[in-house]
């Protein structure tokens, strides 16, 4: 696999897909927001996000069990160590 050390990656569980393509769930103003993303390489439990996500945008760690978009939530922020 070609490694790109500066690539933006998220846990593979954070990326879902539907009829419109790949997405991640984020939290904006304490509400679930879905962002369409383009993905690249997958390696060691991480997936590269090549478009649609800024590096400083927090993502929900898993798409499983996430409430529908616009649902009000109380996020608990956890920073990943690099």
PDB file of N, CA and C in Angstrom:
ATOM      1  N   UNK A   1       0.839  -1.170   0.000  1.00  0.00           N
ATOM      2  CA  UNK A   1       0.000   0.000   0.000  1.00  0.00           C
ATOM      3  C   UNK A   1       0.892   1.242   0.000  1.00  0.00           C
ATOM      4  N   UNK A   2       0.488   2.245  -0.729  1.00  0.00           N
ATOM      5  CA  UNK A   2       1.208   3.515  -0.725  1.00  0.00           C
ATOM      6  C   UNK A   2       0.785   4.310   0.500  1.00  0.00           C
ATOM      7  N   UNK A   3       1.713   4.607   1.362  1.00  0.00           N
ATOM      8  CA  UNK A   3       1.397   5.387   2.560  1.00  0.00           C
ATOM      9  C   UNK A   3       1.555   6.868   2.256  1.00  0.00           C
ATOM     10  N   UNK A   4       0.627   7.636   2.800  1.00  0.00           N
ATOM     11  CA  UNK A   4       0.688   9.087   2.685  1.00  0.00           C
ATOM     12  C   UNK A   4       0.678   9.638   4.104  1.00  0.00           C
ATOM     13  N   UNK A   5       1.829   9.945   4.663  1.00  0.00           N
ATOM     14  CA  UNK A   5       1.909  10.317   6.075  1.00  0.00           C
ATOM     15  C   UNK A   5       1.096  11.556   6.448  1.00  0.00           C
ATOM     16  N   UNK A   6       0.833  12.447   5.520  1.00  0.00           N
ATOM     17  CA  UNK A   6       0.086  13.661   5.832  1.00  0.00           C
ATOM     18  C   UNK A   6      -1.406  13.538   5.523  1.00  0.00           C
ATOM     19  N   UNK A   7      -1.869  12.357   5.176  1.00  0.00           N
ATOM     20  CA  UNK A   7      -3.272  12.164   4.812  1.00  0.00           C
ATOM     21  C   UNK A   7      -4.168  12.314   6.033  1.00  0.00           C
ATOM     22  N   UNK A   8      -5.342  12.870   5.830  1.00  0.00           N
ATOM     23  CA  UNK A   8      -6.363  12.962   6.869  1.00  0.00           C
ATOM     24  C   UNK A   8      -7.041  11.597   6.965  1.00  0.00           C
ATOM     25  N   UNK A   9      -7.019  10.991   8.137  1.00  0.00           N
ATOM     26  CA  UNK A   9      -7.658   9.690   8.314  1.00  0.00           C
ATOM     27  C   UNK A   9      -8.599   9.730   9.511  1.00  0.00           C
ATOM     28  N   UNK A  10      -9.593   8.833   9.481  1.00  0.00           N
ATOM     29  CA  UNK A  10     -10.533   8.651  10.586  1.00  0.00           C
ATOM     30  C   UNK A  10     -10.681   7.148  10.799  1.00  0.00           C
ATOM     31  N   UNK A  11     -11.221   6.731  11.945  1.00  0.00           N
ATOM     32  CA  UNK A  11     -11.464   5.300  12.128  1.00  0.00           C
ATOM     33  C   UNK A  11     -12.421   4.789  11.045  1.00  0.00           C
ATOM     34  N   UNK A  12     -12.194   3.572  10.553  1.00  0.00           N
ATOM     35  CA  UNK A  12     -13.073   3.038   9.504  1.00  0.00           C
ATOM     36  C   UNK A  12     -14.519   2.975   9.970  1.00  0.00           C
ATOM     37  N   UNK A  13     -14.757   2.763  11.268  1.00  0.00           N
ATOM     38  CA  UNK A  13     -16.128   2.704  11.794  1.00  0.00           C
ATOM     39  C   UNK A  13     -16.841   4.053  11.711  1.00  0.00           C
ATOM     40  N   UNK A  14     -16.086   5.151  11.551  1.00  0.00           N
ATOM     41  CA  UNK A  14     -16.680   6.486  11.485  1.00  0.00           C
ATOM     42  C   UNK A  14     -17.245   6.808  10.110  1.00  0.00           C
ATOM     43  N   UNK A  15     -16.922   5.987   9.109  1.00  0.00           N
ATOM     44  CA  UNK A  15     -17.392   6.240   7.741  1.00  0.00           C
ATOM     45  C   UNK A  15     -18.513   5.264   7.412  1.00  0.00           C
ATOM     46  N   UNK A  16     -19.631   5.826   6.990  1.00  0.00           N
ATOM     47  CA  UNK A  16     -20.755   5.013   6.561  1.00  0.00           C
ATOM     48  C   UNK A  16     -20.997   5.234   5.085  1.00  0.00           C
ATOM     49  N   UNK A  17     -21.932   4.486   4.533  1.00  0.00           N
ATOM     50  CA  UNK A  17     -22.296   4.697   3.135  1.00  0.00           C
ATOM     51  C   UNK A  17     -23.782   4.455   2.970  1.00  0.00           C
ATOM     52  N   UNK A  18     -24.341   5.147   1.999  1.00  0.00           N
ATOM     53  CA  UNK A  18     -25.744   4.972   1.644  1.00  0.00           C
ATOM     54  C   UNK A  18     -25.858   5.136   0.135  1.00  0.00           C
ATOM     55  N   UNK A  19     -27.051   5.303  -0.369  1.00  0.00           N
ATOM     56  CA  UNK A  19     -27.261   5.435  -1.805  1.00  0.00           C
ATOM     57  C   UNK A  19     -26.574   6.644  -2.420  1.00  0.00           C
ATOM     58  N   UNK A  20     -26.223   7.624  -1.584  1.00  0.00           N
ATOM     59  CA  UNK A  20     -25.569   8.833  -2.076  1.00  0.00           C
ATOM     60  C   UNK A  20     -24.048   8.761  -2.005  1.00  0.00           C
ATOM     61  N   UNK A  21     -23.498   7.727  -1.367  1.00  0.00           N
ATOM     62  CA  UNK A  21     -22.045   7.596  -1.253  1.00  0.00           C
ATOM     63  C   UNK A  21     -21.602   7.502   0.190  1.00  0.00           C
ATOM     64  N   UNK A  22     -20.339   7.832   0.440  1.00  0.00           N
ATOM     65  CA  UNK A  22     -19.763   7.755   1.783  1.00  0.00           C
ATOM     66  C   UNK A  22     -20.069   9.024   2.577  1.00  0.00           C
ATOM     67  N   UNK A  23     -20.115   8.869   3.907  1.00  0.00           N
ATOM     68  CA  UNK A  23     -20.383  10.012   4.776  1.00  0.00           C
ATOM     69  C   UNK A  23     -19.756   9.786   6.141  1.00  0.00           C
ATOM     70  N   UNK A  24     -19.595  10.892   6.878  1.00  0.00           N
ATOM     71  CA  UNK A  24     -19.272  10.841   8.303  1.00  0.00           C
ATOM     72  C   UNK A  24     -20.328  11.671   9.018  1.00  0.00           C
ATOM     73  N   UNK A  25     -20.572  11.325  10.272  1.00  0.00           N
ATOM     74  CA  UNK A  25     -21.473  12.116  11.099  1.00  0.00           C
ATOM     75  C   UNK A  25     -20.619  13.031  11.963  1.00  0.00           C
ATOM     76  N   UNK A  26     -21.022  14.296  12.049  1.00  0.00           N
ATOM     77  CA  UNK A  26     -20.340  15.276  12.883  1.00  0.00           C
ATOM     78  C   UNK A  26     -21.386  15.895  13.799  1.00  0.00           C
ATOM     79  N   UNK A  27     -20.938  16.757  14.670  1.00  0.00           N
ATOM     80  CA  UNK A  27     -21.867  17.459  15.556  1.00  0.00           C
ATOM     81  C   UNK A  27     -21.646  18.951  15.370  1.00  0.00           C
ATOM     82  N   UNK A  28     -22.709  19.638  14.966  1.00  0.00           N
ATOM     83  CA  UNK A  28     -22.684  21.078  14.771  1.00  0.00           C
ATOM     84  C   UNK A  28     -23.808  21.680  15.602  1.00  0.00           C
ATOM     85  N   UNK A  29     -23.483  22.630  16.457  1.00  0.00           N
ATOM     86  CA  UNK A  29     -24.471  23.261  17.334  1.00  0.00           C
ATOM     87  C   UNK A  29     -25.261  22.213  18.120  1.00  0.00           C
ATOM     88  N   UNK A  30     -24.559  21.190  18.623  1.00  0.00           N
ATOM     89  CA  UNK A  30     -25.137  20.098  19.419  1.00  0.00           C
ATOM     90  C   UNK A  30     -26.210  19.312  18.671  1.00  0.00           C
ATOM     91  N   UNK A  31     -26.086  19.235  17.355  1.00  0.00           N
ATOM     92  CA  UNK A  31     -26.992  18.432  16.542  1.00  0.00           C
ATOM     93  C   UNK A  31     -26.171  17.578  15.582  1.00  0.00           C
ATOM     94  N   UNK A  32     -26.673  16.373  15.320  1.00  0.00           N
ATOM     95  CA  UNK A  32     -26.013  15.478  14.373  1.00  0.00           C
ATOM     96  C   UNK A  32     -26.096  16.078  12.975  1.00  0.00           C
ATOM     97  N   UNK A  33     -24.967  16.103  12.290  1.00  0.00           N
ATOM     98  CA  UNK A  33     -24.888  16.589  10.919  1.00  0.00           C
ATOM     99  C   UNK A  33     -24.158  15.538  10.095  1.00  0.00           C
ATOM    100  N   UNK A  34     -24.655  15.256   8.918  1.00  0.00           N
ATOM    101  CA  UNK A  34     -24.020  14.274   8.040  1.00  0.00           C
ATOM    102  C   UNK A  34     -23.267  15.004   6.943  1.00  0.00           C
ATOM    103  N   UNK A  35     -21.987  14.636   6.765  1.00  0.00           N
ATOM    104  CA  UNK A  35     -21.162  15.229   5.717  1.00  0.00           C
ATOM    105  C   UNK A  35     -20.789  14.172   4.691  1.00  0.00           C
ATOM    106  N   UNK A  36     -20.995  14.480   3.431  1.00  0.00           N
ATOM    107  CA  UNK A  36     -20.553  13.585   2.360  1.00  0.00           C
ATOM    108  C   UNK A  36     -19.044  13.694   2.251  1.00  0.00           C
ATOM    109  N   UNK A  37     -18.372  12.558   2.134  1.00  0.00           N
ATOM    110  CA  UNK A  37     -16.913  12.544   2.002  1.00  0.00           C
ATOM    111  C   UNK A  37     -16.496  11.607   0.885  1.00  0.00           C
ATOM    112  N   UNK A  38     -15.298  11.848   0.386  1.00  0.00           N
ATOM    113  CA  UNK A  38     -14.662  10.915  -0.549  1.00  0.00           C
ATOM    114  C   UNK A  38     -13.536  10.246   0.221  1.00  0.00           C
ATOM    115  N   UNK A  39     -13.401   8.956   0.017  1.00  0.00           N
ATOM    116  CA  UNK A  39     -12.396   8.207   0.767  1.00  0.00           C
ATOM    117  C   UNK A  39     -11.337   7.629  -0.155  1.00  0.00           C
ATOM    118  N   UNK A  40     -10.212   7.288   0.454  1.00  0.00           N
ATOM    119  CA  UNK A  40      -9.098   6.715  -0.287  1.00  0.00           C
ATOM    120  C   UNK A  40      -8.679   5.399   0.337  1.00  0.00           C
ATOM    121  N   UNK A  41      -7.416   5.315   0.686  1.00  0.00           N
ATOM    122  CA  UNK A  41      -6.826   4.090   1.203  1.00  0.00           C
ATOM    123  C   UNK A  41      -7.338   3.735   2.598  1.00  0.00           C
ATOM    124  N   UNK A  42      -7.391   2.437   2.866  1.00  0.00           N
ATOM    125  CA  UNK A  42      -7.741   1.928   4.189  1.00  0.00           C
ATOM    126  C   UNK A  42      -6.556   1.127   4.703  1.00  0.00           C
ATOM    127  N   UNK A  43      -6.188   1.373   5.963  1.00  0.00           N
ATOM    128  CA  UNK A  43      -5.045   0.656   6.532  1.00  0.00           C
ATOM    129  C   UNK A  43      -5.135   0.648   8.048  1.00  0.00           C
ATOM    130  N   UNK A  44      -5.003  -0.515   8.637  1.00  0.00           N
ATOM    131  CA  UNK A  44      -4.885  -0.662  10.081  1.00  0.00           C
ATOM    132  C   UNK A  44      -6.022   0.018  10.850  1.00  0.00           C
ATOM    133  N   UNK A  45      -7.257  -0.175  10.396  1.00  0.00           N
ATOM    134  CA  UNK A  45      -8.412   0.376  11.097  1.00  0.00           C
ATOM    135  C   UNK A  45      -8.695   1.837  10.838  1.00  0.00           C
ATOM    136  N   UNK A  46      -7.989   2.438   9.883  1.00  0.00           N
ATOM    137  CA  UNK A  46      -8.169   3.849   9.533  1.00  0.00           C
ATOM    138  C   UNK A  46      -8.489   3.945   8.046  1.00  0.00           C
ATOM    139  N   UNK A  47      -9.245   4.984   7.685  1.00  0.00           N
ATOM    140  CA  UNK A  47      -9.552   5.229   6.279  1.00  0.00           C
ATOM    141  C   UNK A  47      -9.219   6.677   5.951  1.00  0.00           C
ATOM    142  N   UNK A  48      -8.614   6.855   4.811  1.00  0.00           N
ATOM    143  CA  UNK A  48      -8.222   8.183   4.351  1.00  0.00           C
ATOM    144  C   UNK A  48      -9.455   8.923   3.841  1.00  0.00           C
ATOM    145  N   UNK A  49      -9.592  10.192   4.224  1.00  0.00           N
ATOM    146  CA  UNK A  49     -10.655  11.051   3.702  1.00  0.00           C
ATOM    147  C   UNK A  49      -9.986  12.054   2.778  1.00  0.00           C
ATOM    148  N   UNK A  50     -10.322  11.963   1.487  1.00  0.00           N
ATOM    149  CA  UNK A  50      -9.654  12.800   0.481  1.00  0.00           C
ATOM    150  C   UNK A  50     -10.423  14.074   0.160  1.00  0.00           C
ATOM    151  N   UNK A  51     -11.712  14.149   0.528  1.00  0.00           N
ATOM    152  CA  UNK A  51     -12.502  15.354   0.263  1.00  0.00           C
ATOM    153  C   UNK A  51     -13.738  15.364   1.157  1.00  0.00           C
ATOM    154  N   UNK A  52     -14.179  16.569   1.519  1.00  0.00           N
ATOM    155  CA  UNK A  52     -15.426  16.731   2.246  1.00  0.00           C
ATOM    156  C   UNK A  52     -15.287  16.934   3.741  1.00  0.00           C
ATOM    157  N   UNK A  53     -14.056  16.829   4.272  1.00  0.00           N
ATOM    158  CA  UNK A  53     -13.864  16.934   5.717  1.00  0.00           C
ATOM    159  C   UNK A  53     -12.631  17.768   6.015  1.00  0.00           C
ATOM    160  N   UNK A  54     -12.801  18.778   6.881  1.00  0.00           N
ATOM    161  CA  UNK A  54     -11.658  19.577   7.306  1.00  0.00           C
ATOM    162  C   UNK A  54     -10.950  18.866   8.453  1.00  0.00           C
ATOM    163  N   UNK A  55      -9.662  19.093   8.564  1.00  0.00           N
ATOM    164  CA  UNK A  55      -8.860  18.408   9.574  1.00  0.00           C
ATOM    165  C   UNK A  55      -9.339  18.690  10.993  1.00  0.00           C
ATOM    166  N   UNK A  56      -9.882  19.873  11.240  1.00  0.00           N
ATOM    167  CA  UNK A  56     -10.304  20.226  12.594  1.00  0.00           C
ATOM    168  C   UNK A  56     -11.776  19.927  12.884  1.00  0.00           C
ATOM    169  N   UNK A  57     -12.467  19.259  11.970  1.00  0.00           N
ATOM    170  CA  UNK A  57     -13.873  18.905  12.183  1.00  0.00           C
ATOM    171  C   UNK A  57     -13.964  17.614  12.987  1.00  0.00           C
ATOM    172  N   UNK A  58     -14.608  17.655  14.156  1.00  0.00           N
ATOM    173  CA  UNK A  58     -14.760  16.414  14.924  1.00  0.00           C
ATOM    174  C   UNK A  58     -15.770  15.490  14.248  1.00  0.00           C
ATOM    175  N   UNK A  59     -15.516  14.189  14.318  1.00  0.00           N
ATOM    176  CA  UNK A  59     -16.445  13.214  13.744  1.00  0.00           C
ATOM    177  C   UNK A  59     -16.910  12.266  14.840  1.00  0.00           C
ATOM    178  N   UNK A  60     -18.117  11.720  14.655  1.00  0.00           N
ATOM    179  CA  UNK A  60     -18.630  10.697  15.551  1.00  0.00           C
ATOM    180  C   UNK A  60     -17.830   9.430  15.271  1.00  0.00           C
ATOM    181  N   UNK A  61     -17.369   8.759  16.317  1.00  0.00           N
ATOM    182  CA  UNK A  61     -16.424   7.650  16.172  1.00  0.00           C
ATOM    183  C   UNK A  61     -16.982   6.447  15.421  1.00  0.00           C
ATOM    184  N   UNK A  62     -18.298   6.276  15.411  1.00  0.00           N
ATOM    185  CA  UNK A  62     -18.910   5.139  14.717  1.00  0.00           C
ATOM    186  C   UNK A  62     -20.254   5.559  14.161  1.00  0.00           C
ATOM    187  N   UNK A  63     -20.602   5.047  12.994  1.00  0.00           N
ATOM    188  CA  UNK A  63     -21.905   5.364  12.410  1.00  0.00           C
ATOM    189  C   UNK A  63     -23.008   4.473  12.973  1.00  0.00           C
ATOM    190  N   UNK A  64     -22.647   3.432  13.714  1.00  0.00           N
ATOM    191  CA  UNK A  64     -23.646   2.529  14.283  1.00  0.00           C
ATOM    192  C   UNK A  64     -24.345   3.184  15.464  1.00  0.00           C
ATOM    193  N   UNK A  65     -25.677   3.187  15.439  1.00  0.00           N
ATOM    194  CA  UNK A  65     -26.453   3.706  16.551  1.00  0.00           C
ATOM    195  C   UNK A  65     -26.535   5.214  16.628  1.00  0.00           C
ATOM    196  N   UNK A  66     -26.054   5.921  15.605  1.00  0.00           N
ATOM    197  CA  UNK A  66     -26.116   7.382  15.615  1.00  0.00           C
ATOM    198  C   UNK A  66     -27.540   7.813  15.299  1.00  0.00           C
ATOM    199  N   UNK A  67     -28.082   8.759  16.076  1.00  0.00           N
ATOM    200  CA  UNK A  67     -29.430   9.254  15.775  1.00  0.00           C
ATOM    201  C   UNK A  67     -29.476   9.930  14.404  1.00  0.00           C
ATOM    202  N   UNK A  68     -30.665  10.096  13.852  1.00  0.00           N
ATOM    203  CA  UNK A  68     -30.794  10.743  12.536  1.00  0.00           C
ATOM    204  C   UNK A  68     -30.246  12.173  12.541  1.00  0.00           C
ATOM    205  N   UNK A  69     -29.852  12.676  11.357  1.00  0.00           N
ATOM    206  CA  UNK A  69     -29.383  14.056  11.265  1.00  0.00           C
ATOM    207  C   UNK A  69     -30.381  15.031  11.879  1.00  0.00           C
ATOM    208  N   UNK A  70     -29.848  16.100  12.461  1.00  0.00           N
ATOM    209  CA  UNK A  70     -30.565  17.189  13.130  1.00  0.00           C
ATOM    210  C   UNK A  70     -31.062  16.824  14.519  1.00  0.00           C
ATOM    211  N   UNK A  71     -30.791  15.591  14.996  1.00  0.00           N
ATOM    212  CA  UNK A  71     -31.165  15.202  16.349  1.00  0.00           C
ATOM    213  C   UNK A  71     -30.261  15.942  17.333  1.00  0.00           C
ATOM    214  N   UNK A  72     -30.839  16.509  18.386  1.00  0.00           N
ATOM    215  CA  UNK A  72     -30.059  17.189  19.422  1.00  0.00           C
ATOM    216  C   UNK A  72     -29.312  16.151  20.259  1.00  0.00           C
ATOM    217  N   UNK A  73     -28.050  16.424  20.542  1.00  0.00           N
ATOM    218  CA  UNK A  73     -27.214  15.512  21.330  1.00  0.00           C
ATOM    219  C   UNK A  73     -26.339  16.313  22.286  1.00  0.00           C
ATOM    220  N   UNK A  74     -25.786  15.619  23.276  1.00  0.00           N
ATOM    221  CA  UNK A  74     -24.773  16.193  24.166  1.00  0.00           C
ATOM    222  C   UNK A  74     -23.472  15.455  23.905  1.00  0.00           C
ATOM    223  N   UNK A  75     -22.607  16.029  23.098  1.00  0.00           N
ATOM    224  CA  UNK A  75     -21.384  15.314  22.731  1.00  0.00           C
ATOM    225  C   UNK A  75     -20.410  15.206  23.886  1.00  0.00           C
ATOM    226  N   UNK A  76     -19.678  14.104  23.895  1.00  0.00           N
ATOM    227  CA  UNK A  76     -18.543  13.932  24.788  1.00  0.00           C
ATOM    228  C   UNK A  76     -17.310  13.865  23.887  1.00  0.00           C
ATOM    229  N   UNK A  77     -16.494  14.882  23.987  1.00  0.00           N
ATOM    230  CA  UNK A  77     -15.338  14.981  23.106  1.00  0.00           C
ATOM    231  C   UNK A  77     -14.195  14.117  23.636  1.00  0.00           C
ATOM    232  N   UNK A  78     -13.620  13.325  22.742  1.00  0.00           N
ATOM    233  CA  UNK A  78     -12.469  12.497  23.059  1.00  0.00           C
ATOM    234  C   UNK A  78     -11.434  12.738  21.972  1.00  0.00           C
ATOM    235  N   UNK A  79     -10.254  13.111  22.361  1.00  0.00           N
ATOM    236  CA  UNK A  79      -9.187  13.345  21.382  1.00  0.00           C
ATOM    237  C   UNK A  79      -8.434  12.060  21.138  1.00  0.00           C
ATOM    238  N   UNK A  80      -8.180  11.780  19.879  1.00  0.00           N
ATOM    239  CA  UNK A  80      -7.359  10.627  19.522  1.00  0.00           C
ATOM    240  C   UNK A  80      -5.898  11.033  19.654  1.00  0.00           C
ATOM    241  N   UNK A  81      -5.104  10.104  20.131  1.00  0.00           N
ATOM    242  CA  UNK A  81      -3.676  10.379  20.140  1.00  0.00           C
ATOM    243  C   UNK A  81      -3.108  10.002  18.779  1.00  0.00           C
ATOM    244  N   UNK A  82      -2.139  10.740  18.325  1.00  0.00           N
ATOM    245  CA  UNK A  82      -1.585  10.510  17.003  1.00  0.00           C
ATOM    246  C   UNK A  82      -0.567   9.427  16.990  1.00  0.00           C
TER     247      UNK A  82
END
